[in-house]
Amino acid sequence: MAKFKPLAKKLRLAKKGKQTKWAPFWTVQKIYGSSRRVHPGRHTHVKRHWRRSNTDA
């Protein structure tokens, strides 16, 4: 990738980077109750990795 990126491309990449985070931990307790232990990544709809899947930014 180029060293100097246009602002629009940088903003698109920043948005995609925010979508890869896990859901907040309290969503597990809200959905399943306090006794069930589920990984918060299950509630994140967009899971993207820089090597696995590409974005056309």
Protein backbone atom coordinates (compact mmCIF):
# COMPACT_ATOMS: atom_id res chain seq x y z
CA MET A 1 0.00 0.00 0.00
CA ALA A 2 1.15 3.50 -0.66
CA LYS A 3 2.90 5.47 2.03
CA PHE A 4 0.61 8.49 1.56
CA LYS A 5 -3.07 7.60 1.43
CA PRO A 6 -5.90 9.87 0.33
CA LEU A 7 -8.16 11.00 3.15
CA ALA A 8 -11.23 9.22 1.76
CA LYS A 9 -9.38 5.90 1.63
CA LYS A 10 -8.06 6.41 5.14
CA LEU A 11 -11.57 7.06 6.46
CA ARG A 12 -12.90 3.90 4.75
CA LEU A 13 -10.09 1.80 6.23
CA ALA A 14 -10.72 3.30 9.68
CA LYS A 15 -14.41 2.38 9.47
CA LYS A 16 -13.55 -1.19 8.45
CA GLY A 17 -11.08 -1.39 11.32
CA LYS A 18 -13.77 -0.43 13.82
CA GLN A 19 -16.07 -3.17 12.52
CA THR A 20 -13.62 -5.91 13.45
CA LYS A 21 -13.89 -5.41 17.20
CA TRP A 22 -15.77 -7.74 19.53
CA ALA A 23 -19.13 -6.80 20.90
CA PRO A 24 -19.18 -5.38 24.45
CA PHE A 25 -18.96 -7.99 27.19
CA TRP A 26 -22.32 -7.04 28.71
CA THR A 27 -24.18 -8.11 25.55
CA VAL A 28 -23.52 -11.74 26.49
CA GLN A 29 -25.23 -11.33 29.86
CA LYS A 30 -28.07 -9.38 28.31
CA ILE A 31 -28.82 -12.03 25.68
CA TYR A 32 -28.06 -15.29 27.51
CA GLY A 33 -28.22 -14.40 31.20
CA SER A 34 -25.43 -14.32 33.75
CA SER A 35 -24.75 -18.06 33.85
CA ARG A 36 -23.98 -18.76 30.18
CA ARG A 37 -20.42 -18.16 28.97
CA VAL A 38 -20.23 -17.20 25.32
CA HIS A 39 -17.48 -15.35 23.48
CA PRO A 40 -18.42 -11.72 22.67
CA GLY A 41 -17.08 -12.12 19.14
CA ARG A 42 -20.16 -14.14 18.33
CA HIS A 43 -22.28 -10.98 18.39
CA THR A 44 -20.07 -9.02 15.99
CA HIS A 45 -21.62 -9.15 12.53
CA VAL A 46 -18.63 -8.06 10.45
CA LYS A 47 -15.51 -10.06 11.21
CA ARG A 48 -12.61 -9.00 9.03
CA HIS A 49 -8.89 -9.64 9.16
CA TRP A 50 -6.28 -7.87 7.06
CA ARG A 51 -4.92 -11.15 5.76
CA ARG A 52 -8.01 -13.36 5.50
CA SER A 53 -10.53 -11.11 3.79
CA ASN A 54 -9.99 -8.07 1.64
CA THR A 55 -11.83 -4.80 1.57
CA ASP A 56 -12.08 -2.82 -1.66
CA ALA A 57 -11.16 0.46 -0.05
